[in-house]
Amino acid sequence: MKHQGLTREKRTQKDYSIAFKLRIVSQVENGDYTYKQAQKEYGIQGKSTVLVWLRRYGNLEWSKPKLHT
């Protein structure tokens, strides 16, 4: 018996509309999702894709975390 697995189509940044990106950013900034939850919920494959959107389109400070001493 041959095993048939589901294959995911790889996506690029170009596949996501600006409206989709802004919706994700808004949901993360409003606290509806963490960026990792949003990534999983919407099937975004890139590990840092949502973070890039947050830095580019978001209203909050999303630079690298600062170490507190």
Protein backbone atom coordinates (compact mmCIF):
# COMPACT_ATOMS: atom_id res chain seq x y z
CA MET A 1 0.00 0.00 0.00
CA LYS A 2 1.38 3.36 -1.01
CA HIS A 3 1.37 6.17 1.57
CA GLN A 4 -0.03 9.41 0.22
CA GLY A 5 0.98 12.42 2.27
CA LEU A 6 -0.39 15.90 2.05
CA THR A 7 2.04 18.36 0.56
CA ARG A 8 1.98 22.04 1.35
CA GLU A 9 2.62 24.55 -1.33
CA LYS A 10 5.52 26.79 -0.41
CA ARG A 11 4.57 30.44 -0.22
CA THR A 12 6.56 33.60 -0.55
CA GLN A 13 6.05 37.09 0.85
CA LYS A 14 4.44 38.05 -2.45
CA ASP A 15 1.60 35.59 -1.82
CA TYR A 16 0.25 37.60 1.13
CA SER A 17 -1.80 40.70 0.41
CA ILE A 18 -1.13 43.91 2.32
CA ALA A 19 -4.64 43.64 3.82
CA PHE A 20 -3.84 40.16 5.15
CA LYS A 21 -0.54 41.34 6.64
CA LEU A 22 -2.21 44.32 8.31
CA ARG A 23 -4.94 42.11 9.75
CA ILE A 24 -2.37 39.77 11.29
CA VAL A 25 -0.37 42.70 12.68
CA SER A 26 -3.52 44.20 14.18
CA GLN A 27 -4.52 40.91 15.81
CA VAL A 28 -1.08 40.44 17.35
CA GLU A 29 -0.87 44.03 18.59
CA ASN A 30 -4.38 43.81 20.08
CA GLY A 31 -3.37 40.69 21.99
CA ASP A 32 -5.67 38.30 20.13
CA TYR A 33 -2.67 36.15 19.19
CA THR A 34 1.01 35.96 19.89
CA TYR A 35 3.04 36.15 16.71
CA LYS A 36 3.69 32.40 16.94
CA GLN A 37 -0.01 31.63 17.41
CA ALA A 38 -0.90 33.77 14.40
CA GLN A 39 1.77 32.00 12.36
CA LYS A 40 0.30 28.61 13.26
CA GLU A 41 -3.36 29.67 12.92
CA TYR A 42 -2.90 31.08 9.42
CA GLY A 43 -0.35 28.54 8.17
CA ILE A 44 2.47 31.02 7.70
CA GLN A 45 5.57 28.91 7.14
CA GLY A 46 8.41 31.33 7.73
CA LYS A 47 9.58 31.47 11.33
CA SER A 48 10.16 35.22 11.30
CA THR A 49 7.61 36.31 8.70
CA VAL A 50 5.10 37.71 11.21
CA LEU A 51 7.88 39.47 13.12
CA VAL A 52 9.01 41.14 9.89
CA TRP A 53 5.45 42.33 9.30
CA LEU A 54 5.22 43.64 12.87
CA ARG A 55 8.43 45.61 12.46
CA ARG A 56 7.38 46.95 9.06
CA TYR A 57 3.68 47.68 9.55
CA GLY A 58 3.10 47.68 13.30
CA ASN A 59 2.67 50.55 15.71
CA LEU A 60 4.59 48.99 18.60
CA GLU A 61 8.34 48.70 19.16
CA TRP A 62 9.32 45.26 17.81
CA SER A 63 13.08 45.60 17.69
CA LYS A 64 15.29 42.98 19.29
CA PRO A 65 14.53 42.51 22.98
CA LYS A 66 16.77 44.35 25.41
CA LEU A 67 18.40 42.51 28.27
CA HIS A 68 17.51 43.92 31.65
CA THR A 69 20.30 44.02 34.20
